[in-house]
Protein backbone atom coordinates (compact mmCIF):
# COMPACT_ATOMS: atom_id res chain seq x y z
CA MET A 1 -28.13 -33.59 30.59
CA ILE A 2 -31.01 -32.26 28.44
CA ILE A 3 -30.40 -32.12 24.70
CA TRP A 4 -32.70 -29.94 22.66
CA ASN A 5 -34.15 -31.65 19.66
CA PRO A 6 -35.45 -29.23 16.99
CA ALA A 7 -37.25 -31.99 15.02
CA PRO A 8 -40.76 -31.39 16.53
CA ARG A 9 -40.53 -27.71 15.81
CA TYR A 10 -39.55 -28.38 12.22
CA GLY A 11 -42.55 -30.73 11.90
CA ILE A 12 -44.94 -28.13 13.27
CA ALA A 13 -43.52 -25.54 10.85
CA VAL A 14 -44.03 -27.93 7.91
CA ALA A 15 -47.63 -28.68 8.95
CA MET A 16 -48.48 -25.00 9.35
CA LEU A 17 -47.00 -24.20 5.98
CA ALA A 18 -49.10 -26.98 4.37
CA VAL A 19 -52.31 -25.71 6.04
CA PHE A 20 -51.53 -22.20 4.85
CA ALA A 21 -51.00 -23.43 1.31
CA LEU A 22 -54.31 -25.42 1.26
CA THR A 23 -56.21 -22.45 2.70
CA ALA A 24 -54.79 -20.19 0.02
CA VAL A 25 -55.81 -22.69 -2.64
CA SER A 26 -59.33 -22.97 -1.23
CA ARG A 27 -59.77 -19.22 -1.14
CA ALA A 28 -58.47 -18.89 -4.64
CA GLN A 29 -60.92 -21.50 -5.90
CA THR A 30 -63.87 -19.91 -4.08
CA THR A 31 -63.03 -16.49 -5.45
CA ALA A 32 -62.61 -17.86 -8.95
CA THR A 33 -66.04 -19.61 -8.74
CA SER A 34 -67.99 -16.64 -7.33
CA SER A 35 -66.56 -14.06 -9.74
CA GLU A 36 -67.94 -13.64 -13.17
CA ALA A 37 -65.20 -14.10 -15.75
CA PRO A 38 -65.60 -12.46 -19.10
CA SER A 39 -64.38 -15.55 -20.93
CA SER A 40 -63.52 -19.20 -20.33
CA ALA A 41 -59.97 -18.69 -21.62
CA LYS A 42 -59.24 -16.30 -18.77
CA LYS A 43 -60.42 -18.90 -16.22
CA LEU A 44 -58.13 -21.48 -17.71
CA ASP A 45 -55.15 -19.10 -17.39
CA LYS A 46 -55.89 -18.52 -13.71
CA ALA A 47 -56.15 -22.24 -13.11
CA ASP A 48 -52.79 -22.81 -14.77
CA GLU A 49 -51.26 -20.05 -12.67
CA LEU A 50 -52.68 -21.58 -9.50
CA GLU A 51 -51.35 -24.98 -10.43
CA ASP A 52 -47.87 -23.53 -10.96
CA HIS A 53 -48.08 -21.87 -7.56
CA LEU A 54 -49.00 -25.19 -5.94
CA ASP A 55 -46.06 -26.88 -7.66
CA GLN A 56 -43.68 -24.25 -6.25
CA LEU A 57 -45.06 -24.72 -2.74
CA THR A 58 -44.72 -28.48 -3.05
CA ALA A 59 -41.10 -28.11 -4.14
CA LYS A 60 -40.35 -25.82 -1.20
CA LEU A 61 -41.94 -28.28 1.22
CA GLU A 62 -39.90 -31.11 -0.20
CA SER A 63 -36.70 -29.03 0.15
CA MET A 64 -37.50 -28.25 3.76
CA ARG A 65 -38.16 -31.94 4.48
CA GLN A 66 -34.78 -32.81 2.97
CA GLN A 67 -32.99 -30.16 5.07
CA LEU A 68 -34.77 -31.44 8.15
CA LYS A 69 -33.58 -34.96 7.47
CA GLU A 70 -30.00 -33.76 7.00
CA SER A 71 -30.16 -31.75 10.26
CA GLN A 72 -31.45 -34.77 12.14
CA SER A 73 -28.67 -36.88 10.68
CA GLU A 74 -26.00 -34.37 11.71
CA MET A 75 -27.45 -34.14 15.20
CA ALA A 76 -27.33 -37.88 15.53
CA GLU A 77 -23.66 -37.90 14.53
CA LEU A 78 -22.86 -35.12 17.00
CA ARG A 79 -24.71 -36.99 19.75
CA ALA A 80 -22.68 -40.11 19.02
CA GLU A 81 -19.40 -38.14 19.13
CA LEU A 82 -20.43 -36.52 22.41
CA ASN A 83 -21.19 -39.89 23.98
CA SER A 84 -17.84 -41.21 22.78
CA LEU A 85 -16.02 -38.21 24.24
CA ARG A 86 -17.79 -38.65 27.57
CA ALA A 87 -16.75 -42.26 27.69
CA LYS A 88 -13.09 -41.38 27.04
CA LEU A 89 -13.12 -38.65 29.69
CA ALA A 90 -14.66 -41.01 32.22
CA GLU A 91 -11.73 -43.40 31.78
CA LYS A 92 -9.23 -40.69 32.85
CA ASN A 93 -8.32 -39.74 36.38
CA PRO A 94 -10.83 -37.05 37.51
CA SER A 95 -8.17 -35.05 39.36
CA GLU A 96 -5.86 -35.09 36.36
CA GLU A 97 -8.73 -34.05 34.16
CA ALA A 98 -9.62 -31.16 36.47
CA ALA A 99 -6.00 -29.98 36.72
CA THR A 100 -5.57 -30.05 32.96
CA ALA A 101 -8.82 -28.19 32.44
CA ALA A 102 -7.90 -25.59 35.07
CA ALA A 103 -4.46 -24.98 33.55
CA THR A 104 -5.94 -24.65 30.10
CA LEU A 105 -8.58 -22.29 31.41
CA ARG A 106 -6.00 -20.11 33.21
CA GLY A 107 -3.87 -19.86 30.06
CA SER A 108 -6.87 -18.97 27.96
CA VAL A 109 -8.02 -16.30 30.42
CA GLU A 110 -4.54 -14.74 30.59
CA GLN A 111 -4.22 -14.71 26.82
CA LEU A 112 -7.69 -13.22 26.49
CA ARG A 113 -6.82 -10.55 29.04
CA GLU A 114 -3.67 -9.54 27.14
CA GLN A 115 -5.54 -9.39 23.86
CA THR A 116 -8.27 -7.33 25.51
CA ASP A 117 -5.72 -4.83 26.86
CA ILE A 118 -4.14 -4.43 23.44
CA LEU A 119 -7.50 -4.07 21.72
CA GLN A 120 -8.67 -1.52 24.27
CA ALA A 121 -5.52 0.53 23.75
CA GLU A 122 -5.93 0.43 19.99
CA VAL A 123 -9.62 1.29 20.22
CA LYS A 124 -8.89 4.26 22.47
CA GLN A 125 -6.24 5.44 20.05
CA HIS A 126 -8.12 5.00 16.79
CA ASP A 127 -11.80 5.20 17.66
CA GLU A 128 -12.02 7.36 20.75
CA THR A 129 -14.62 10.02 21.33
CA LYS A 130 -13.12 13.38 20.51
CA VAL A 131 -12.16 15.79 23.26
CA GLU A 132 -14.55 18.70 23.38
CA SER A 133 -13.05 21.74 21.64
CA GLY A 134 -14.11 25.11 20.36
CA THR A 135 -14.67 23.65 16.89
CA LYS A 136 -16.41 20.58 15.52
CA TYR A 137 -13.09 19.00 14.51
CA PRO A 138 -11.49 16.24 16.60
CA VAL A 139 -8.76 16.90 19.15
CA ARG A 140 -6.56 14.21 20.67
CA ILE A 141 -4.62 14.43 23.93
CA SER A 142 -1.60 12.18 24.42
CA GLY A 143 1.64 12.16 26.34
CA THR A 144 4.09 10.24 28.49
CA LEU A 145 4.36 10.41 32.25
CA LEU A 146 8.12 9.92 32.54
CA PHE A 147 10.14 9.11 35.65
CA THR A 148 13.94 9.31 35.36
CA SER A 149 16.67 8.59 37.87
CA LEU A 150 20.41 9.21 37.35
CA VAL A 151 23.57 8.31 39.20
CA ASN A 152 26.43 10.68 38.33
CA GLY A 153 29.96 9.42 38.89
CA GLY A 154 31.36 12.94 38.53
CA ASN A 155 30.07 16.50 38.31
CA SER A 156 27.84 17.96 35.60
CA ASP A 157 25.94 21.13 34.83
CA ASN A 158 22.48 19.57 35.44
CA ILE A 159 21.91 16.48 37.57
CA ASP A 160 18.57 15.71 35.84
CA LEU A 161 19.92 16.03 32.28
CA PRO A 162 23.74 16.33 32.17
CA THR A 163 25.16 17.99 29.02
CA VAL A 164 28.60 19.27 30.15
CA ALA A 165 31.07 17.59 32.51
CA LEU A 166 32.53 19.88 35.18
CA PRO A 167 35.69 19.71 37.29
CA GLY A 168 35.45 18.63 40.89
CA GLU A 169 35.27 21.20 43.66
CA ALA A 170 37.77 21.35 46.46
CA ASN A 171 36.58 19.85 49.76
CA ALA A 172 33.27 18.83 48.13
CA ALA A 173 31.81 15.41 47.49
CA SER A 174 31.81 14.26 43.89
CA GLY A 175 28.85 12.70 42.14
CA SER A 176 25.13 12.63 42.83
CA GLN A 177 21.96 10.59 42.64
CA SER A 178 18.69 12.17 41.50
CA ALA A 179 15.14 11.37 40.44
CA THR A 180 12.61 13.59 38.70
CA VAL A 181 9.43 13.74 36.62
CA ARG A 182 10.35 17.05 34.97
CA GLN A 183 10.68 15.37 31.58
CA THR A 184 7.01 14.36 31.43
CA VAL A 185 5.48 15.44 28.10
CA LEU A 186 1.88 16.31 27.18
CA SER A 187 0.70 16.74 23.58
CA VAL A 188 -2.48 18.03 21.95
CA THR A 189 -3.20 17.22 18.28
CA GLY A 190 -6.02 18.59 16.16
CA SER A 191 -7.04 17.81 12.58
CA GLY A 192 -9.35 19.45 10.05
CA PRO A 193 -10.82 21.14 8.17
CA HIS A 194 -9.94 20.73 4.48
CA LEU A 195 -9.02 24.05 2.90
CA TRP A 196 -8.13 24.64 -0.76
CA GLY A 197 -7.75 20.89 -1.22
CA ALA A 198 -5.34 20.57 1.71
CA LYS A 199 -5.75 18.93 5.10
CA ALA A 200 -5.28 21.26 8.06
CA SER A 201 -3.68 20.01 11.27
CA ALA A 202 -1.98 21.34 14.39
CA GLU A 203 0.04 19.92 17.26
CA LEU A 204 1.65 21.31 20.40
CA SER A 205 3.51 19.78 23.32
CA ILE A 206 4.50 20.95 26.76
CA ASP A 207 6.76 19.57 29.46
CA PHE A 208 7.89 20.51 32.95
CA PHE A 209 11.51 21.35 32.17
CA GLY A 210 11.07 25.12 32.12
CA GLY A 211 12.80 25.76 35.43
CA LEU A 212 12.59 24.96 39.12
CA PRO A 213 9.71 25.94 41.42
CA TYR A 214 10.34 28.72 43.91
CA THR A 215 9.62 26.37 46.80
CA ASP A 216 12.73 24.66 48.07
CA TYR A 217 11.06 21.28 48.67
CA ASN A 218 9.59 20.53 45.21
CA THR A 219 12.42 21.07 42.74
CA ALA A 220 12.03 17.58 41.25
CA ALA A 221 8.61 18.54 39.84
CA GLY A 222 9.68 21.36 37.51
CA SER A 223 7.75 24.20 35.89
CA VAL A 224 5.47 24.02 32.85
CA ARG A 225 7.14 24.99 29.55
CA PHE A 226 5.92 25.31 25.98
CA ARG A 227 8.03 22.71 24.19
CA THR A 228 7.21 22.44 20.47
CA GLY A 229 4.29 23.21 18.20
CA ARG A 230 3.24 23.36 14.58
CA ALA A 231 0.19 24.08 12.43
CA GLY A 232 -0.24 24.01 8.68
CA LEU A 233 -1.81 22.76 5.49
CA GLU A 234 -0.75 19.58 3.72
CA TRP A 235 -1.47 18.69 0.09
CA PRO A 236 -0.51 15.36 -1.52
CA ASP A 237 2.74 16.83 -2.92
CA ARG A 238 3.41 19.95 -0.84
CA SER A 239 2.86 21.55 2.54
CA ILE A 240 3.16 24.86 4.35
CA GLU A 241 3.32 25.33 8.11
CA PHE A 242 4.47 27.59 10.90
CA ALA A 243 6.22 25.88 13.74
CA PHE A 244 8.24 26.16 16.92
CA ASP A 245 10.50 23.18 16.36
CA ARG A 246 14.04 22.01 15.56
CA PRO A 247 15.67 23.27 12.33
CA LEU A 248 14.98 21.64 8.96
CA ILE A 249 18.66 20.70 8.72
CA SER A 250 18.21 18.27 11.66
CA PRO A 251 15.49 15.85 10.50
CA TRP A 252 16.58 12.89 12.67
CA GLN A 253 17.03 12.55 16.42
CA PRO A 254 18.88 10.02 18.63
CA THR A 255 16.84 7.74 20.89
CA SER A 256 17.10 8.22 24.64
CA TRP A 257 14.40 8.30 27.31
CA LEU A 258 16.90 9.83 29.74
CA SER A 259 17.17 12.95 27.53
CA VAL A 260 13.72 14.35 26.76
CA GLY A 261 13.82 17.85 28.27
CA GLU A 262 16.54 18.45 25.68
CA PRO A 263 17.08 15.88 22.90
CA ALA A 264 19.82 13.29 23.24
CA LEU A 265 23.32 14.54 22.31
CA ALA A 266 22.21 18.18 22.62
CA TRP A 267 25.32 20.42 22.64
CA SER A 268 27.32 17.35 21.59
CA GLY A 269 26.77 17.37 17.83
CA ASN A 270 22.96 17.58 17.68
CA LEU A 271 21.69 20.90 16.24
CA TRP A 272 18.38 20.73 18.04
CA THR A 273 17.20 24.12 19.36
CA TRP A 274 13.47 24.81 18.99
CA VAL A 275 12.91 28.13 17.21
CA PRO A 276 9.99 29.87 15.41
CA GLN A 277 9.86 28.99 11.71
CA LEU A 278 7.74 29.33 8.58
CA ARG A 279 8.36 26.26 6.39
CA PHE A 280 7.51 25.12 2.87
CA LYS A 281 7.91 21.62 1.44
CA GLU A 282 7.57 20.20 -2.08
CA ASN A 283 7.64 16.48 -2.88
CA GLY A 284 8.52 14.86 -6.19
CA ILE A 285 8.79 11.32 -7.57
CA LEU A 286 12.03 9.78 -8.83
CA PRO A 287 12.31 6.59 -10.94
CA HIS A 288 13.28 4.61 -7.82
CA GLY A 289 12.20 6.82 -4.94
CA ARG A 290 11.03 10.24 -3.84
CA LEU A 291 12.63 13.68 -3.69
CA SER A 292 11.71 16.46 -1.28
CA ALA A 293 12.79 20.10 -1.15
CA GLU A 294 12.21 22.20 1.99
CA PHE A 295 12.75 25.90 2.63
CA GLY A 296 12.13 27.93 5.77
CA LEU A 297 12.37 31.33 7.40
CA MET A 298 13.40 31.24 11.04
CA ASP A 299 14.21 33.36 14.06
CA PRO A 300 17.38 31.68 15.36
CA ALA A 301 18.08 31.96 19.05
CA ALA A 302 21.23 33.48 20.52
CA PRO A 303 22.91 31.70 23.43
CA GLY A 304 23.19 33.64 26.66
CA PRO A 305 21.25 34.55 29.78
CA PRO A 306 17.86 36.26 29.47
CA ALA A 307 17.42 39.96 30.15
CA THR A 308 17.62 40.86 33.82
CA ASN A 309 14.42 42.92 33.69
CA GLY A 310 12.37 39.88 32.72
CA GLN A 311 11.37 41.35 29.34
CA ARG A 312 12.31 39.89 25.99
CA GLN A 313 15.02 41.96 24.27
CA PRO A 314 16.32 41.59 20.67
CA ASP A 315 19.31 39.31 20.26
CA ALA A 316 22.04 39.64 17.65
CA SER A 317 20.07 37.89 14.92
CA GLU A 318 16.94 39.96 15.55
CA ARG A 319 18.92 43.20 15.53
CA SER A 320 19.87 42.49 11.92
CA ARG A 321 16.18 42.98 11.02
CA GLN A 322 16.15 39.99 8.70
CA PRO A 323 15.13 36.36 9.25
CA GLY A 324 17.38 33.38 9.12
CA PHE A 325 17.16 31.10 6.08
CA GLU A 326 17.21 27.30 6.07
CA ALA A 327 16.84 24.71 3.32
CA ARG A 328 17.13 20.98 2.87
CA VAL A 329 16.97 18.61 -0.11
CA GLY A 330 16.33 14.96 0.69
CA THR A 331 15.70 11.75 -1.16
CA THR A 332 14.15 8.43 -0.18
CA LEU A 333 15.38 5.36 -2.04
CA SER A 334 14.89 1.63 -1.58
CA TRP A 335 17.49 -1.15 -1.43
CA ARG A 336 16.15 -4.69 -1.17
CA GLU A 337 12.89 -3.27 0.16
CA HIS A 338 14.77 -1.31 2.86
CA PRO A 339 14.33 2.50 2.78
CA ILE A 340 17.36 4.77 2.52
CA ASN A 341 16.94 8.45 3.42
CA LEU A 342 19.70 10.88 2.46
CA GLY A 343 19.75 14.66 2.66
CA THR A 344 21.82 17.81 2.62
CA GLY A 345 20.97 21.18 4.13
CA GLY A 346 22.09 24.73 4.63
CA TYR A 347 21.51 27.65 7.00
CA TYR A 348 22.31 31.37 6.92
CA SER A 349 21.55 34.37 9.15
CA ARG A 350 22.96 37.82 9.80
CA GLN A 351 24.01 38.89 13.29
CA SER A 352 24.48 42.50 14.36
CA TYR A 353 26.46 43.59 17.43
CA THR A 354 27.45 46.88 19.02
CA TYR A 355 29.82 49.31 17.25
CA SER A 356 28.40 48.23 13.85
CA ARG A 357 30.00 44.81 14.02
CA HIS A 358 28.37 42.02 11.98
CA VAL A 359 28.80 38.26 11.72
CA ASP A 360 27.53 36.01 8.95
CA ALA A 361 26.26 32.80 10.52
CA TRP A 362 26.06 29.74 8.29
CA ALA A 363 26.03 25.93 8.36
CA ALA A 364 26.19 23.09 5.86
CA THR A 365 24.90 19.64 6.81
CA ALA A 366 24.55 16.08 5.54
CA ASP A 367 22.16 13.57 7.10
CA TRP A 368 21.17 9.93 6.67
CA ASN A 369 18.69 7.38 7.94
CA VAL A 370 19.28 3.88 6.55
CA PHE A 371 17.45 0.62 7.32
CA LEU A 372 19.58 -2.50 6.93
CA PRO A 373 18.71 -6.21 6.92
CA GLY A 374 18.44 -7.75 10.34
CA ALA A 375 16.35 -4.92 11.84
CA VAL A 376 19.31 -2.52 12.04
CA GLU A 377 18.91 1.23 11.54
CA LEU A 378 21.70 3.79 11.02
CA SER A 379 21.07 7.52 11.40
CA GLY A 380 23.03 10.69 11.95
CA VAL A 381 24.02 14.23 10.92
CA ILE A 382 27.37 15.98 10.32
CA TYR A 383 27.87 19.73 9.99
CA ARG A 384 30.38 22.51 9.44
CA GLY A 385 29.51 26.11 10.20
CA ARG A 386 30.13 29.44 11.87
CA ALA A 387 28.26 31.27 14.65
CA ILE A 388 25.79 28.39 15.17
CA GLY A 389 25.50 28.56 18.94
CA GLY A 390 21.86 29.51 18.45
CA LEU A 391 21.23 26.15 16.75
CA GLY A 392 22.79 24.08 19.53
CA GLY A 393 26.41 24.01 18.35
CA GLY A 394 29.46 26.25 18.63
CA ALA A 395 30.21 25.12 22.20
CA PHE A 396 27.39 27.45 23.37
CA LYS A 397 28.93 30.41 21.50
CA ASP A 398 28.29 32.40 18.30
CA TYR A 399 31.41 34.56 18.35
CA VAL A 400 34.84 34.91 19.95
CA PRO A 401 35.96 38.26 21.43
CA TYR A 402 39.52 39.60 21.29
CA ALA A 403 41.41 42.57 22.76
CA SER A 404 39.17 42.94 25.79
CA TYR A 405 36.02 42.54 23.71
CA ARG A 406 36.92 45.42 21.36
CA SER A 407 36.82 43.06 18.37
CA LEU A 408 35.00 39.82 17.67
CA ARG A 409 34.91 37.03 15.12
CA GLY A 410 32.34 34.40 14.30
CA LEU A 411 33.31 31.08 15.87
CA ASN A 412 33.96 28.26 13.40
CA ASP A 413 32.58 24.94 14.46
CA GLU A 414 32.18 21.35 13.27
CA GLY A 415 30.61 18.22 14.62
CA GLY A 416 27.82 15.72 14.31
CA TRP A 417 26.39 12.51 15.70
CA ALA A 418 25.65 8.94 14.63
CA GLN A 419 23.45 6.19 16.05
CA MET A 420 22.96 2.48 15.45
CA LYS A 421 19.62 0.95 16.47
CA PHE A 422 19.04 -2.80 16.87
CA MET A 423 15.49 -4.20 17.09
CA LEU A 424 16.28 -7.30 19.14
CA LEU A 425 12.60 -8.20 19.64
CA PRO A 426 9.34 -6.51 18.73
CA SER A 427 9.28 -5.14 22.29
CA LEU A 428 13.03 -4.67 22.87
CA GLU A 429 15.52 -2.35 21.16
CA ALA A 430 19.14 -1.37 21.76
CA ASN A 431 20.72 1.95 20.79
CA VAL A 432 24.36 2.98 20.63
CA ALA A 433 25.19 6.60 19.77
CA ALA A 434 28.03 9.11 19.89
CA GLY A 435 28.23 12.82 19.18
CA GLN A 436 30.72 15.67 19.34
CA ASP A 437 30.66 19.44 18.96
CA ASN A 438 34.09 20.96 18.34
CA ALA A 439 34.86 24.67 18.17
CA LEU A 440 38.05 25.20 16.16
CA ALA A 441 41.07 25.79 18.36
CA GLN A 442 42.55 28.42 16.04
CA ASP A 443 39.61 30.72 16.83
CA LEU A 444 39.70 30.14 20.59
CA ARG A 445 43.45 30.40 21.08
CA ASN A 446 44.52 33.78 22.53
CA SER A 447 40.89 34.92 22.82
CA ASP A 448 39.30 36.67 25.77
CA LEU A 449 37.29 33.51 26.50
CA ALA A 450 40.40 31.55 27.56
CA THR A 451 40.29 33.24 30.97
CA GLU A 452 36.52 33.25 31.41
CA PRO A 453 35.37 31.43 34.58
CA ASP A 454 31.96 30.64 33.07
CA ILE A 455 31.81 26.96 32.14
CA TYR A 456 29.98 27.55 28.84
CA ALA A 457 32.09 30.49 27.68
CA ASN A 458 35.28 28.51 28.38
CA LEU A 459 34.09 25.32 26.67
CA ALA A 460 36.01 24.25 23.53
CA ARG A 461 34.75 20.73 22.78
CA ASN A 462 31.97 18.51 24.13
CA GLN A 463 31.67 14.77 23.55
CA ASN A 464 28.88 12.39 24.53
CA VAL A 465 28.66 8.60 24.08
CA PHE A 466 25.76 6.46 25.31
CA GLY A 467 24.16 3.07 25.00
CA ASN A 468 20.70 2.05 26.16
CA LEU A 469 18.05 -0.64 26.16
CA VAL A 470 14.36 0.20 25.72
CA PHE A 471 11.80 -2.45 26.69
CA ARG A 472 8.08 -2.09 25.97
CA PRO A 473 6.15 -5.00 27.53
CA ARG A 474 2.97 -3.17 26.47
CA PRO A 475 2.50 -0.44 23.85
CA TYR A 476 1.73 2.07 26.59
CA PHE A 477 4.48 1.13 29.08
CA LEU A 478 8.26 1.44 28.73
CA LEU A 479 11.38 0.73 30.75
CA SER A 480 14.86 1.90 29.80
CA ALA A 481 18.38 1.60 31.17
CA GLU A 482 21.25 3.73 29.86
CA PHE A 483 24.95 4.29 30.40
CA ARG A 484 26.46 7.58 29.27
CA ARG A 485 29.98 9.05 29.23
CA LEU A 486 30.50 12.81 29.02
CA GLN A 487 33.84 14.44 28.29
CA SER A 488 34.24 18.21 28.04
CA TRP A 489 37.37 20.16 27.12
CA THR A 490 38.06 23.73 28.21
CA ILE A 491 40.00 26.19 26.08
CA ALA A 492 43.05 25.92 28.31
CA GLY A 493 43.31 22.97 30.66
CA ASP A 494 42.47 19.31 30.98
CA SER A 495 39.19 17.68 30.06
CA ASN A 496 36.49 16.86 32.56
CA ARG A 497 34.70 13.50 32.64
CA ASP A 498 31.42 12.24 34.00
CA ARG A 499 30.03 8.71 33.86
CA ILE A 500 26.29 8.40 34.26
CA PHE A 501 23.95 5.49 34.75
CA GLY A 502 20.23 6.09 34.49
CA LEU A 503 16.86 4.36 34.57
CA ALA A 504 13.60 5.57 33.05
CA ALA A 505 10.01 4.39 33.34
CA GLY A 506 7.17 5.85 31.34
CA TYR A 507 3.46 5.42 30.85
CA SER A 508 2.10 6.66 27.51
CA PHE A 509 -1.53 7.58 27.02
């Protein structure tokens, strides 16, 4: 083994520096002798200056010699330690030594590989080259390729995303097994520029849950659908944006990777429907937290089939020629360094029907999102309202008809959902949630809907309970298992039940 010794090079450097110094002195003396000085005092000053310069060079040389000695001493100590280590290693069994070294090397390589994967993911997320766009501002593409598979113990309205349990059919097999990628989501996010002191940003997402392809052999793929979107300006204490998103009165959402095409507990207590909105938000500071006030104008949807001619026609809310109104006041507090989010909201819109009939739609809500010690999170929303089928409640209905549809009344409704989240490990979480949407029986009794064969028109109450595990071995990869129980009540008759077990696998990018 060849050990490099820097001592000769240090010696050469010292000698060269000394020659350079003597040459400089000689030149200085020659120049001083050949030049004609105006006075002897000036010559003496130059001589003193030269002497000081020589003293400085001498001091530097001495310092370098001292450093060289210390380096040589340290190298000698290191050489002695190396020889001692070699002697100890020679005493061990060579095979044992090789096995230990190989195991250590394999562990180090695996650990380095994991760290490299994580760092590469973070670098791609935070320091990636922007996607080329029509402007100079950065655009980011992200999403989740999601595979879901469900086993239904009974019958439901949609085998890929069950929301209502149905009765069994005579002489027909009950239950199903399905797999799909229709709930895959793609998102595009853009940021910039700064305008009037505010930061501009925009985001949109699409999925493949917009319907089934016309071909009869590819129904598991789905059709592209605009999902949600928003764009706006954000100041430090306020913001304004236009959006196609869930209502302001539903700020929180349950966690389920089996329900992405529609959020978890949709039509079972979760007022979720994505509608066009223009929203304003103002933030304030409290002595022990923050206060926010939000207000929005919206175009609430009306439940029901689309027009048969394929063209968009005005629904009951749009025929009133006025927007819907929504508002929410929320506060964020802290308890033992754990955030507590509480809020209350309201909604109102006017609905116009044939024969000059009108319904006032409204809702009042309360919501919470509380973090507790032990990595436990509680969240949920409760509501009471009328004619809120367009928000995802009302058992799919805004009104109830009577006397062969000659009169109608806004359907009163109540419900909500709650979830408990447990962070068992940094990469493993468990969620337990339950929700219910309940149209009041006094409105449905003796109505024309009691004899309707349509499953949604005849629905009175819908209940959904689920529990799941979500495992993320890597930030970009997830696995989830979920059990769900659906129970749906008709206006007149027994309830229908469906038990569902599902698996999900996703790759986020």
